[in-house]
Amino acid sequence: MLEDTFHGIVLSFDGAAKTSTRQGSCGCILWELPGWTILDAQGFILEDVTVNDAEYCGLLNGLSMAQARGVRDLIAVGD
């Protein structure tokens, strides 16, 4: 849980996959707090993945988005 006074960047990510077809997707959002301003958001379609692969892909893509923006400190939140 973040304090109401937190100032910084939050990366939220998620991934999902259908086990019978191994098709999935992932997404990631960079937020700036306070205010929950969206800095960037992306989604990706994935092939031949497990649920864990899809989750990890969301994290890695989100970290790449942050790095491209010069973010050096963030809080990552996934399920």
Protein backbone atom coordinates (compact mmCIF):
# COMPACT_ATOMS: atom_id res chain seq x y z
CA MET A 1 0.00 0.00 0.00
CA LEU A 2 1.36 3.39 -0.98
CA GLU A 3 1.11 6.40 1.28
CA ASP A 4 -1.24 9.17 0.13
CA THR A 5 1.78 11.46 -0.04
CA PHE A 6 3.81 9.20 -2.39
CA HIS A 7 5.43 10.99 -5.32
CA GLY A 8 6.96 8.80 -8.00
CA ILE A 9 6.44 6.30 -10.78
CA VAL A 10 4.37 3.12 -10.54
CA LEU A 11 4.51 0.33 -13.12
CA SER A 12 1.45 -1.90 -13.22
CA PHE A 13 1.45 -4.99 -15.42
CA ASP A 14 -0.55 -8.12 -16.10
CA GLY A 15 -0.56 -11.10 -18.40
CA ALA A 16 -2.90 -13.91 -19.35
CA ALA A 17 -2.80 -17.00 -21.53
CA LYS A 18 -5.22 -19.66 -22.66
CA THR A 19 -3.65 -22.99 -21.76
CA SER A 20 -5.33 -24.97 -24.55
CA THR A 21 -3.96 -22.75 -27.34
CA ARG A 22 -0.93 -21.17 -25.58
CA GLN A 23 -2.05 -17.79 -26.92
CA GLY A 24 -1.97 -14.85 -24.58
CA SER A 25 -1.43 -11.18 -24.03
CA CYS A 26 0.13 -8.79 -21.60
CA GLY A 27 -0.08 -5.13 -20.79
CA CYS A 28 1.75 -2.51 -18.80
CA ILE A 29 1.08 1.03 -17.64
CA LEU A 30 3.46 3.64 -16.26
CA TRP A 31 1.75 5.99 -13.83
CA GLU A 32 3.04 9.17 -12.21
CA LEU A 33 1.79 9.80 -8.68
CA PRO A 34 0.20 11.73 -7.18
CA GLY A 35 -2.62 12.17 -9.63
CA TRP A 36 -2.30 8.80 -11.36
CA THR A 37 -1.24 10.43 -14.62
CA ILE A 38 -0.64 7.85 -17.37
CA LEU A 39 2.83 8.32 -18.84
CA ASP A 40 2.69 5.31 -21.19
CA ALA A 41 0.56 2.23 -21.75
CA GLN A 42 1.09 -0.72 -24.07
CA GLY A 43 -0.44 -4.10 -24.81
CA PHE A 44 1.06 -7.09 -26.58
CA ILE A 45 -0.35 -10.22 -28.23
CA LEU A 46 1.71 -13.32 -27.45
CA GLU A 47 2.04 -16.75 -29.03
CA ASP A 48 3.21 -20.03 -27.48
CA VAL A 49 3.23 -18.80 -23.88
CA THR A 50 2.20 -19.93 -20.44
CA VAL A 51 0.43 -17.67 -17.96
CA ASN A 52 3.74 -17.08 -16.18
CA ASP A 53 5.43 -16.20 -19.49
CA ALA A 54 2.71 -13.63 -20.19
CA GLU A 55 3.03 -12.06 -16.73
CA TYR A 56 6.81 -11.86 -17.06
CA CYS A 57 6.46 -10.31 -20.52
CA GLY A 58 4.28 -7.56 -19.04
CA LEU A 59 6.90 -6.83 -16.39
CA LEU A 60 9.82 -6.80 -18.85
CA ASN A 61 8.01 -4.60 -21.37
CA GLY A 62 7.01 -2.21 -18.61
CA LEU A 63 10.59 -1.98 -17.37
CA SER A 64 11.73 -1.27 -20.94
CA MET A 65 9.14 1.53 -21.21
CA ALA A 66 10.43 3.01 -17.95
CA GLN A 67 14.06 2.75 -19.03
CA ALA A 68 13.28 4.46 -22.35
CA ARG A 69 11.85 7.40 -20.35
CA GLY A 70 14.92 7.58 -18.12
CA VAL A 71 13.08 6.31 -15.04
CA ARG A 72 15.60 4.98 -12.53
CA ASP A 73 13.33 4.38 -9.55
CA LEU A 74 9.83 2.89 -9.58
CA ILE A 75 7.43 0.62 -7.79
CA ALA A 76 6.28 -2.40 -9.83
CA VAL A 77 2.87 -3.89 -9.08
CA GLY A 78 1.57 -7.13 -10.56
CA ASP A 79 -0.60 -9.97 -9.44
